[in-house]
PDB file of all heavy atoms in Angstrom:
ATOM      1  N   ARG A   1      -0.330-148.518  19.606  1.00  0.00           N
ATOM      2  CA  ARG A   1       0.034-149.161  18.344  1.00  0.00           C
ATOM      3  C   ARG A   1      -1.033-148.849  17.302  1.00  0.00           C
ATOM      4  O   ARG A   1      -2.218-148.954  17.572  1.00  0.00           O
ATOM      5  CB  ARG A   1       0.155-150.672  18.545  1.00  0.00           C
ATOM      6  CG  ARG A   1       0.430-151.457  17.270  1.00  0.00           C
ATOM      7  CD  ARG A   1       0.693-152.913  17.599  1.00  0.00           C
ATOM      8  NE  ARG A   1       0.743-153.736  16.395  1.00  0.00           N
ATOM      9  CZ  ARG A   1       1.449-154.844  16.273  1.00  0.00           C
ATOM     10  NH1 ARG A   1       2.181-155.266  17.284  1.00  0.00           N
ATOM     11  NH2 ARG A   1       1.437-155.537  15.157  1.00  0.00           N
ATOM     12  N   ALA A   2      -0.572-148.433  16.121  1.00  0.00           N
ATOM     13  CA  ALA A   2      -1.499-148.111  15.040  1.00  0.00           C
ATOM     14  C   ALA A   2      -0.765-148.250  13.721  1.00  0.00           C
ATOM     15  O   ALA A   2       0.457-148.061  13.654  1.00  0.00           O
ATOM     16  CB  ALA A   2      -2.038-146.689  15.195  1.00  0.00           C
ATOM     17  N   PRO A   3      -1.475-148.593  12.640  1.00  0.00           N
ATOM     18  CA  PRO A   3      -0.816-148.695  11.336  1.00  0.00           C
ATOM     19  C   PRO A   3      -0.521-147.314  10.759  1.00  0.00           C
ATOM     20  O   PRO A   3      -1.339-146.404  10.825  1.00  0.00           O
ATOM     21  CB  PRO A   3      -1.838-149.450  10.481  1.00  0.00           C
ATOM     22  CG  PRO A   3      -3.157-149.125  11.106  1.00  0.00           C
ATOM     23  CD  PRO A   3      -2.884-148.979  12.584  1.00  0.00           C
ATOM     24  N   LEU A   4       0.681-147.172  10.205  1.00  0.00           N
ATOM     25  CA  LEU A   4       1.072-145.957   9.511  1.00  0.00           C
ATOM     26  C   LEU A   4       1.670-146.341   8.166  1.00  0.00           C
ATOM     27  O   LEU A   4       2.217-147.432   7.999  1.00  0.00           O
ATOM     28  CB  LEU A   4       2.106-145.165  10.321  1.00  0.00           C
ATOM     29  CG  LEU A   4       1.630-144.482  11.604  1.00  0.00           C
ATOM     30  CD1 LEU A   4       2.796-143.773  12.267  1.00  0.00           C
ATOM     31  CD2 LEU A   4       0.518-143.488  11.304  1.00  0.00           C
ATOM     32  N   ASP A   5       1.604-145.434   7.207  1.00  0.00           N
ATOM     33  CA  ASP A   5       2.185-145.673   5.896  1.00  0.00           C
ATOM     34  C   ASP A   5       3.705-145.667   6.015  1.00  0.00           C
ATOM     35  O   ASP A   5       4.301-144.650   6.349  1.00  0.00           O
ATOM     36  CB  ASP A   5       1.726-144.596   4.914  1.00  0.00           C
ATOM     37  CG  ASP A   5       2.215-144.849   3.496  1.00  0.00           C
ATOM     38  OD1 ASP A   5       2.943-145.842   3.293  1.00  0.00           O
ATOM     39  OD2 ASP A   5       1.873-144.059   2.602  1.00  0.00           O
ATOM     40  N   GLY A   6       4.304-146.804   5.766  1.00  0.00           N
ATOM     41  CA  GLY A   6       5.749-146.904   5.871  1.00  0.00           C
ATOM     42  C   GLY A   6       6.485-146.473   4.625  1.00  0.00           C
ATOM     43  O   GLY A   6       7.707-146.602   4.545  1.00  0.00           O
ATOM     44  N   GLY A   7       5.766-145.978   3.622  1.00  0.00           N
ATOM     45  CA  GLY A   7       6.419-145.523   2.410  1.00  0.00           C
ATOM     46  C   GLY A   7       6.796-146.644   1.468  1.00  0.00           C
ATOM     47  O   GLY A   7       7.546-146.448   0.522  1.00  0.00           O
ATOM     48  N   VAL A   8       6.278-147.844   1.722  1.00  0.00           N
ATOM     49  CA  VAL A   8       6.593-148.986   0.861  1.00  0.00           C
ATOM     50  C   VAL A   8       5.308-149.591   0.312  1.00  0.00           C
ATOM     51  O   VAL A   8       5.255-150.756  -0.045  1.00  0.00           O
ATOM     52  CB  VAL A   8       7.408-150.058   1.630  1.00  0.00           C
ATOM     53  CG1 VAL A   8       8.788-149.540   1.939  1.00  0.00           C
ATOM     54  CG2 VAL A   8       6.673-150.479   2.904  1.00  0.00           C
ATOM     55  N   GLY A   9       4.245-148.780   0.279  1.00  0.00           N
ATOM     56  CA  GLY A   9       3.002-149.243  -0.318  1.00  0.00           C
ATOM     57  C   GLY A   9       2.146-150.082   0.599  1.00  0.00           C
ATOM     58  O   GLY A   9       1.232-150.756   0.144  1.00  0.00           O
ATOM     59  N   ALA A  10       2.444-150.083   1.886  1.00  0.00           N
ATOM     60  CA  ALA A  10       1.650-150.883   2.831  1.00  0.00           C
ATOM     61  C   ALA A  10       1.607-150.166   4.171  1.00  0.00           C
ATOM     62  O   ALA A  10       2.548-149.481   4.556  1.00  0.00           O
ATOM     63  CB  ALA A  10       2.250-152.274   2.999  1.00  0.00           C
ATOM     64  N   ASN A  11       0.523-150.346   4.907  1.00  0.00           N
ATOM     65  CA  ASN A  11       0.421-149.794   6.247  1.00  0.00           C
ATOM     66  C   ASN A  11       1.128-150.729   7.223  1.00  0.00           C
ATOM     67  O   ASN A  11       0.766-151.900   7.354  1.00  0.00           O
ATOM     68  CB  ASN A  11      -1.039-149.619   6.657  1.00  0.00           C
ATOM     69  CG  ASN A  11      -1.664-148.413   5.982  1.00  0.00           C
ATOM     70  OD1 ASN A  11      -0.973-147.479   5.614  1.00  0.00           O
ATOM     71  ND2 ASN A  11      -2.972-148.439   5.824  1.00  0.00           N
ATOM     72  N   ILE A  12       2.139-150.221   7.892  1.00  0.00           N
ATOM     73  CA  ILE A  12       2.957-151.012   8.796  1.00  0.00           C
ATOM     74  C   ILE A  12       2.558-150.695  10.229  1.00  0.00           C
ATOM     75  O   ILE A  12       2.442-149.525  10.604  1.00  0.00           O
ATOM     76  CB  ILE A  12       4.449-150.692   8.582  1.00  0.00           C
ATOM     77  CG1 ILE A  12       4.877-151.122   7.165  1.00  0.00           C
ATOM     78  CG2 ILE A  12       5.318-151.374   9.627  1.00  0.00           C
ATOM     79  CD1 ILE A  12       6.281-150.737   6.826  1.00  0.00           C
ATOM     80  N   PRO A  13       2.338-151.719  11.070  1.00  0.00           N
ATOM     81  CA  PRO A  13       2.047-151.435  12.477  1.00  0.00           C
ATOM     82  C   PRO A  13       3.224-150.705  13.129  1.00  0.00           C
ATOM     83  O   PRO A  13       4.380-151.096  12.973  1.00  0.00           O
ATOM     84  CB  PRO A  13       1.855-152.829  13.087  1.00  0.00           C
ATOM     85  CG  PRO A  13       1.538-153.719  11.929  1.00  0.00           C
ATOM     86  CD  PRO A  13       2.302-153.156  10.769  1.00  0.00           C
ATOM     87  N   VAL A  14       2.897-149.633  13.851  1.00  0.00           N
ATOM     88  CA  VAL A  14       3.926-148.799  14.476  1.00  0.00           C
ATOM     89  C   VAL A  14       3.539-148.555  15.926  1.00  0.00           C
ATOM     90  O   VAL A  14       2.379-148.260  16.234  1.00  0.00           O
ATOM     91  CB  VAL A  14       4.072-147.455  13.737  1.00  0.00           C
ATOM     92  CG1 VAL A  14       4.983-146.511  14.495  1.00  0.00           C
ATOM     93  CG2 VAL A  14       4.611-147.692  12.333  1.00  0.00           C
ATOM     94  N   VAL A  15       4.511-148.676  16.820  1.00  0.00           N
ATOM     95  CA  VAL A  15       4.311-148.344  18.229  1.00  0.00           C
ATOM     96  C   VAL A  15       4.838-146.933  18.461  1.00  0.00           C
ATOM     97  O   VAL A  15       6.000-146.631  18.156  1.00  0.00           O
ATOM     98  CB  VAL A  15       5.029-149.348  19.149  1.00  0.00           C
ATOM     99  CG1 VAL A  15       4.917-148.897  20.605  1.00  0.00           C
ATOM    100  CG2 VAL A  15       4.439-150.737  18.983  1.00  0.00           C
ATOM    101  N   THR A  16       3.969-146.066  18.970  1.00  0.00           N
ATOM    102  CA  THR A  16       4.345-144.694  19.301  1.00  0.00           C
ATOM    103  C   THR A  16       4.455-144.562  20.809  1.00  0.00           C
ATOM    104  O   THR A  16       3.519-144.911  21.536  1.00  0.00           O
ATOM    105  CB  THR A  16       3.301-143.692  18.778  1.00  0.00           C
ATOM    106  OG1 THR A  16       3.200-143.807  17.356  1.00  0.00           O
ATOM    107  CG2 THR A  16       3.684-142.261  19.137  1.00  0.00           C
ATOM    108  N   ASP A  17       5.592-144.092  21.295  1.00  0.00           N
ATOM    109  CA  ASP A  17       5.807-143.810  22.717  1.00  0.00           C
ATOM    110  C   ASP A  17       6.080-142.327  22.875  1.00  0.00           C
ATOM    111  O   ASP A  17       6.950-141.778  22.177  1.00  0.00           O
ATOM    112  CB  ASP A  17       7.001-144.601  23.262  1.00  0.00           C
ATOM    113  CG  ASP A  17       6.735-146.090  23.337  1.00  0.00           C
ATOM    114  OD1 ASP A  17       5.932-146.497  24.186  1.00  0.00           O
ATOM    115  OD2 ASP A  17       7.332-146.839  22.539  1.00  0.00           O
ATOM    116  N   ARG A  18       5.357-141.669  23.781  1.00  0.00           N
ATOM    117  CA  ARG A  18       5.566-140.242  24.003  1.00  0.00           C
ATOM    118  C   ARG A  18       5.523-139.930  25.499  1.00  0.00           C
ATOM    119  O   ARG A  18       4.692-140.472  26.223  1.00  0.00           O
ATOM    120  CB  ARG A  18       4.504-139.408  23.287  1.00  0.00           C
ATOM    121  CG  ARG A  18       4.542-139.510  21.779  1.00  0.00           C
ATOM    122  CD  ARG A  18       3.425-138.711  21.132  1.00  0.00           C
ATOM    123  NE  ARG A  18       3.590-137.276  21.339  1.00  0.00           N
ATOM    124  CZ  ARG A  18       2.687-136.368  20.977  1.00  0.00           C
ATOM    125  NH1 ARG A  18       1.549-136.759  20.413  1.00  0.00           N
ATOM    126  NH2 ARG A  18       2.904-135.085  21.186  1.00  0.00           N
ATOM    127  N   THR A  19       6.423-139.074  25.933  1.00  0.00           N
ATOM    128  CA  THR A  19       6.404-138.539  27.292  1.00  0.00           C
ATOM    129  C   THR A  19       6.500-137.024  27.177  1.00  0.00           C
ATOM    130  O   THR A  19       7.476-136.495  26.630  1.00  0.00           O
ATOM    131  CB  THR A  19       7.569-139.086  28.130  1.00  0.00           C
ATOM    132  OG1 THR A  19       7.436-140.503  28.251  1.00  0.00           O
ATOM    133  CG2 THR A  19       7.568-138.469  29.517  1.00  0.00           C
ATOM    134  N   ILE A  20       5.480-136.335  27.676  1.00  0.00           N
ATOM    135  CA  ILE A  20       5.360-134.880  27.521  1.00  0.00           C
ATOM    136  C   ILE A  20       5.295-134.250  28.906  1.00  0.00           C
ATOM    137  O   ILE A  20       4.593-134.743  29.794  1.00  0.00           O
ATOM    138  CB  ILE A  20       4.079-134.523  26.737  1.00  0.00           C
ATOM    139  CG1 ILE A  20       4.065-135.239  25.379  1.00  0.00           C
ATOM    140  CG2 ILE A  20       3.957-133.014  26.553  1.00  0.00           C
ATOM    141  CD1 ILE A  20       2.722-135.203  24.683  1.00  0.00           C
ATOM    142  N   ARG A  21       6.026-133.170  29.074  1.00  0.00           N
ATOM    143  CA  ARG A  21       5.914-132.378  30.305  1.00  0.00           C
ATOM    144  C   ARG A  21       5.206-131.077  29.988  1.00  0.00           C
ATOM    145  O   ARG A  21       5.512-130.424  28.978  1.00  0.00           O
ATOM    146  CB  ARG A  21       7.284-132.101  30.911  1.00  0.00           C
ATOM    147  CG  ARG A  21       7.909-133.292  31.633  1.00  0.00           C
ATOM    148  CD  ARG A  21       9.232-132.905  32.255  1.00  0.00           C
ATOM    149  NE  ARG A  21       9.082-131.756  33.132  1.00  0.00           N
ATOM    150  CZ  ARG A  21      10.097-130.963  33.500  1.00  0.00           C
ATOM    151  NH1 ARG A  21      11.303-131.173  33.049  1.00  0.00           N
ATOM    152  NH2 ARG A  21       9.871-129.938  34.307  1.00  0.00           N
ATOM    153  N   ARG A  22       4.256-130.705  30.837  1.00  0.00           N
ATOM    154  CA  ARG A  22       3.526-129.456  30.676  1.00  0.00           C
ATOM    155  C   ARG A  22       3.439-128.717  32.013  1.00  0.00           C
ATOM    156  O   ARG A  22       3.416-129.327  33.082  1.00  0.00           O
ATOM    157  CB  ARG A  22       2.095-129.700  30.172  1.00  0.00           C
ATOM    158  CG  ARG A  22       1.988-130.341  28.814  1.00  0.00           C
ATOM    159  CD  ARG A  22       0.548-130.330  28.298  1.00  0.00           C
ATOM    160  NE  ARG A  22       0.439-131.107  27.069  1.00  0.00           N
ATOM    161  CZ  ARG A  22      -0.117-132.308  27.006  1.00  0.00           C
ATOM    162  NH1 ARG A  22      -0.653-132.843  28.074  1.00  0.00           N
ATOM    163  NH2 ARG A  22      -0.156-132.953  25.861  1.00  0.00           N
ATOM    164  N   ASP A  23       3.360-127.412  31.907  1.00  0.00           N
ATOM    165  CA  ASP A  23       3.042-126.544  33.037  1.00  0.00           C
ATOM    166  C   ASP A  23       1.629-126.052  32.784  1.00  0.00           C
ATOM    167  O   ASP A  23       1.419-125.117  32.004  1.00  0.00           O
ATOM    168  CB  ASP A  23       4.042-125.394  33.105  1.00  0.00           C
ATOM    169  CG  ASP A  23       3.740-124.416  34.234  1.00  0.00           C
ATOM    170  OD1 ASP A  23       2.836-124.702  35.046  1.00  0.00           O
ATOM    171  OD2 ASP A  23       4.383-123.353  34.288  1.00  0.00           O
ATOM    172  N   GLY A  24       0.629-126.699  33.407  1.00  0.00           N
ATOM    173  CA  GLY A  24      -0.750-126.454  33.016  1.00  0.00           C
ATOM    174  C   GLY A  24      -0.916-126.913  31.575  1.00  0.00           C
ATOM    175  O   GLY A  24      -0.473-128.000  31.197  1.00  0.00           O
ATOM    176  N   PRO A  25      -1.490-126.078  30.702  1.00  0.00           N
ATOM    177  CA  PRO A  25      -1.630-126.467  29.292  1.00  0.00           C
ATOM    178  C   PRO A  25      -0.421-126.092  28.440  1.00  0.00           C
ATOM    179  O   PRO A  25      -0.404-126.356  27.234  1.00  0.00           O
ATOM    180  CB  PRO A  25      -2.858-125.669  28.850  1.00  0.00           C
ATOM    181  CG  PRO A  25      -2.770-124.418  29.656  1.00  0.00           C
ATOM    182  CD  PRO A  25      -2.216-124.831  31.009  1.00  0.00           C
ATOM    183  N   PHE A  26       0.610-125.500  29.064  1.00  0.00           N
ATOM    184  CA  PHE A  26       1.737-124.969  28.303  1.00  0.00           C
ATOM    185  C   PHE A  26       2.849-126.020  28.207  1.00  0.00           C
ATOM    186  O   PHE A  26       3.313-126.534  29.227  1.00  0.00           O
ATOM    187  CB  PHE A  26       2.261-123.688  28.949  1.00  0.00           C
ATOM    188  CG  PHE A  26       1.186-122.677  29.203  1.00  0.00           C
ATOM    189  CD1 PHE A  26       0.801-122.359  30.498  1.00  0.00           C
ATOM    190  CD2 PHE A  26       0.524-122.071  28.138  1.00  0.00           C
ATOM    191  CE1 PHE A  26      -0.206-121.441  30.738  1.00  0.00           C
ATOM    192  CE2 PHE A  26      -0.491-121.144  28.372  1.00  0.00           C
ATOM    193  CZ  PHE A  26      -0.858-120.833  29.670  1.00  0.00           C
ATOM    194  N   PRO A  27       3.297-126.340  26.991  1.00  0.00           N
ATOM    195  CA  PRO A  27       4.294-127.403  26.828  1.00  0.00           C
ATOM    196  C   PRO A  27       5.660-126.986  27.344  1.00  0.00           C
ATOM    197  O   PRO A  27       6.056-125.819  27.231  1.00  0.00           O
ATOM    198  CB  PRO A  27       4.317-127.633  25.316  1.00  0.00           C
ATOM    199  CG  PRO A  27       3.927-126.316  24.729  1.00  0.00           C
ATOM    200  CD  PRO A  27       2.930-125.734  25.696  1.00  0.00           C
ATOM    201  N   VAL A  28       6.397-127.955  27.895  1.00  0.00           N
ATOM    202  CA  VAL A  28       7.747-127.722  28.404  1.00  0.00           C
ATOM    203  C   VAL A  28       8.763-128.568  27.628  1.00  0.00           C
ATOM    204  O   VAL A  28       9.768-128.058  27.146  1.00  0.00           O
ATOM    205  CB  VAL A  28       7.830-128.044  29.914  1.00  0.00           C
ATOM    206  CG1 VAL A  28       9.266-127.902  30.416  1.00  0.00           C
ATOM    207  CG2 VAL A  28       6.889-127.144  30.707  1.00  0.00           C
ATOM    208  N   SER A  29       8.507-129.877  27.526  1.00  0.00           N
ATOM    209  CA  SER A  29       9.436-130.745  26.815  1.00  0.00           C
ATOM    210  C   SER A  29       8.727-132.028  26.399  1.00  0.00           C
ATOM    211  O   SER A  29       7.644-132.352  26.894  1.00  0.00           O
ATOM    212  CB  SER A  29      10.654-131.092  27.683  1.00  0.00           C
ATOM    213  OG  SER A  29      10.254-131.850  28.821  1.00  0.00           O
ATOM    214  N   GLU A  30       9.362-132.742  25.470  1.00  0.00           N
ATOM    215  CA  GLU A  30       8.818-134.022  25.019  1.00  0.00           C
ATOM    216  C   GLU A  30       9.945-134.912  24.525  1.00  0.00           C
ATOM    217  O   GLU A  30      10.898-134.443  23.891  1.00  0.00           O
ATOM    218  CB  GLU A  30       7.804-133.832  23.891  1.00  0.00           C
ATOM    219  CG  GLU A  30       7.288-135.152  23.327  1.00  0.00           C
ATOM    220  CD  GLU A  30       6.234-135.001  22.251  1.00  0.00           C
ATOM    221  OE1 GLU A  30       5.673-133.883  22.124  1.00  0.00           O
ATOM    222  OE2 GLU A  30       5.961-135.975  21.533  1.00  0.00           O
ATOM    223  N   THR A  31       9.852-136.204  24.836  1.00  0.00           N
ATOM    224  CA  THR A  31      10.666-137.224  24.201  1.00  0.00           C
ATOM    225  C   THR A  31       9.714-138.256  23.617  1.00  0.00           C
ATOM    226  O   THR A  31       8.628-138.493  24.152  1.00  0.00           O
ATOM    227  CB  THR A  31      11.626-137.912  25.188  1.00  0.00           C
ATOM    228  OG1 THR A  31      10.855-138.500  26.258  1.00  0.00           O
ATOM    229  CG2 THR A  31      12.615-136.930  25.770  1.00  0.00           C
ATOM    230  N   GLY A  32      10.114-138.848  22.501  1.00  0.00           N
ATOM    231  CA  GLY A  32       9.214-139.824  21.882  1.00  0.00           C
ATOM    232  C   GLY A  32       9.928-140.680  20.869  1.00  0.00           C
ATOM    233  O   GLY A  32      11.089-140.443  20.514  1.00  0.00           O
ATOM    234  N   SER A  33       9.227-141.706  20.423  1.00  0.00           N
ATOM    235  CA  SER A  33       9.781-142.591  19.412  1.00  0.00           C
ATOM    236  C   SER A  33       8.670-143.238  18.615  1.00  0.00           C
ATOM    237  O   SER A  33       7.549-143.413  19.095  1.00  0.00           O
ATOM    238  CB  SER A  33      10.651-143.682  20.058  1.00  0.00           C
ATOM    239  OG  SER A  33       9.857-144.552  20.853  1.00  0.00           O
ATOM    240  N   LEU A  34       9.000-143.577  17.368  1.00  0.00           N
ATOM    241  CA  LEU A  34       8.167-144.406  16.512  1.00  0.00           C
ATOM    242  C   LEU A  34       8.958-145.662  16.195  1.00  0.00           C
ATOM    243  O   LEU A  34      10.107-145.584  15.748  1.00  0.00           O
ATOM    244  CB  LEU A  34       7.821-143.689  15.192  1.00  0.00           C
ATOM    245  CG  LEU A  34       6.903-142.476  15.239  1.00  0.00           C
ATOM    246  CD1 LEU A  34       6.789-141.868  13.847  1.00  0.00           C
ATOM    247  CD2 LEU A  34       5.525-142.882  15.743  1.00  0.00           C
ATOM    248  N   THR A  35       8.363-146.827  16.439  1.00  0.00           N
ATOM    249  CA  THR A  35       9.044-148.093  16.192  1.00  0.00           C
ATOM    250  C   THR A  35       8.163-148.976  15.334  1.00  0.00           C
ATOM    251  O   THR A  35       7.058-149.342  15.739  1.00  0.00           O
ATOM    252  CB  THR A  35       9.374-148.823  17.511  1.00  0.00           C
ATOM    253  OG1 THR A  35      10.117-147.947  18.362  1.00  0.00           O
ATOM    254  CG2 THR A  35      10.179-150.083  17.239  1.00  0.00           C
ATOM    255  N   ALA A  36       8.623-149.310  14.135  1.00  0.00           N
ATOM    256  CA  ALA A  36       7.865-150.181  13.240  1.00  0.00           C
ATOM    257  C   ALA A  36       7.943-151.622  13.733  1.00  0.00           C
ATOM    258  O   ALA A  36       9.003-152.091  14.154  1.00  0.00           O
ATOM    259  CB  ALA A  36       8.414-150.079  11.817  1.00  0.00           C
ATOM    260  N   VAL A  37       6.810-152.306  13.689  1.00  0.00           N
ATOM    261  CA  VAL A  37       6.751-153.718  14.104  1.00  0.00           C
ATOM    262  C   VAL A  37       6.013-154.506  13.018  1.00  0.00           C
ATOM    263  O   VAL A  37       4.931-155.058  13.257  1.00  0.00           O
ATOM    264  CB  VAL A  37       6.073-153.875  15.479  1.00  0.00           C
ATOM    265  CG1 VAL A  37       6.997-153.432  16.592  1.00  0.00           C
ATOM    266  CG2 VAL A  37       4.768-153.078  15.545  1.00  0.00           C
ATOM    267  N   PRO A  38       6.581-154.609  11.807  1.00  0.00           N
ATOM    268  CA  PRO A  38       5.887-155.278  10.698  1.00  0.00           C
ATOM    269  C   PRO A  38       5.774-156.780  10.929  1.00  0.00           C
ATOM    270  O   PRO A  38       6.647-157.399  11.546  1.00  0.00           O
ATOM    271  CB  PRO A  38       6.785-154.971   9.497  1.00  0.00           C
ATOM    272  CG  PRO A  38       8.143-154.780  10.084  1.00  0.00           C
ATOM    273  CD  PRO A  38       7.913-154.119  11.422  1.00  0.00           C
ATOM    274  N   ASP A  39       4.681-157.345  10.435  1.00  0.00           N
ATOM    275  CA  ASP A  39       4.523-158.796  10.506  1.00  0.00           C
ATOM    276  C   ASP A  39       5.568-159.494   9.636  1.00  0.00           C
ATOM    277  O   ASP A  39       6.033-160.582   9.965  1.00  0.00           O
ATOM    278  CB  ASP A  39       3.114-159.197  10.054  1.00  0.00           C
ATOM    279  CG  ASP A  39       2.043-158.632  10.972  1.00  0.00           C
ATOM    280  OD1 ASP A  39       2.316-158.524  12.185  1.00  0.00           O
ATOM    281  OD2 ASP A  39       0.953-158.292  10.483  1.00  0.00           O
ATOM    282  N   ASP A  40       5.930-158.859   8.534  1.00  0.00           N
ATOM    283  CA  ASP A  40       6.937-159.388   7.617  1.00  0.00           C
ATOM    284  C   ASP A  40       8.178-158.513   7.716  1.00  0.00           C
ATOM    285  O   ASP A  40       8.152-157.361   7.298  1.00  0.00           O
ATOM    286  CB  ASP A  40       6.403-159.391   6.182  1.00  0.00           C
ATOM    287  CG  ASP A  40       7.406-159.931   5.183  1.00  0.00           C
ATOM    288  OD1 ASP A  40       8.526-160.312   5.608  1.00  0.00           O
ATOM    289  OD2 ASP A  40       7.078-159.977   3.980  1.00  0.00           O
ATOM    290  N   PRO A  41       9.297-159.030   8.255  1.00  0.00           N
ATOM    291  CA  PRO A  41      10.508-158.206   8.395  1.00  0.00           C
ATOM    292  C   PRO A  41      10.989-157.614   7.082  1.00  0.00           C
ATOM    293  O   PRO A  41      11.651-156.570   7.069  1.00  0.00           O
ATOM    294  CB  PRO A  41      11.531-159.192   8.966  1.00  0.00           C
ATOM    295  CG  PRO A  41      10.716-160.248   9.646  1.00  0.00           C
ATOM    296  CD  PRO A  41       9.467-160.373   8.819  1.00  0.00           C
TER     297      PRO A  41
END
């Protein structure tokens, strides 16, 4: 969780989830999401 600029003039807390597959250092695939969790809806 880290604050990111939500484009509304305020830093909004955001949860980043990532799952990455690699073969050694070489990337294979990734799924991920960004989910805003503002204190004020």
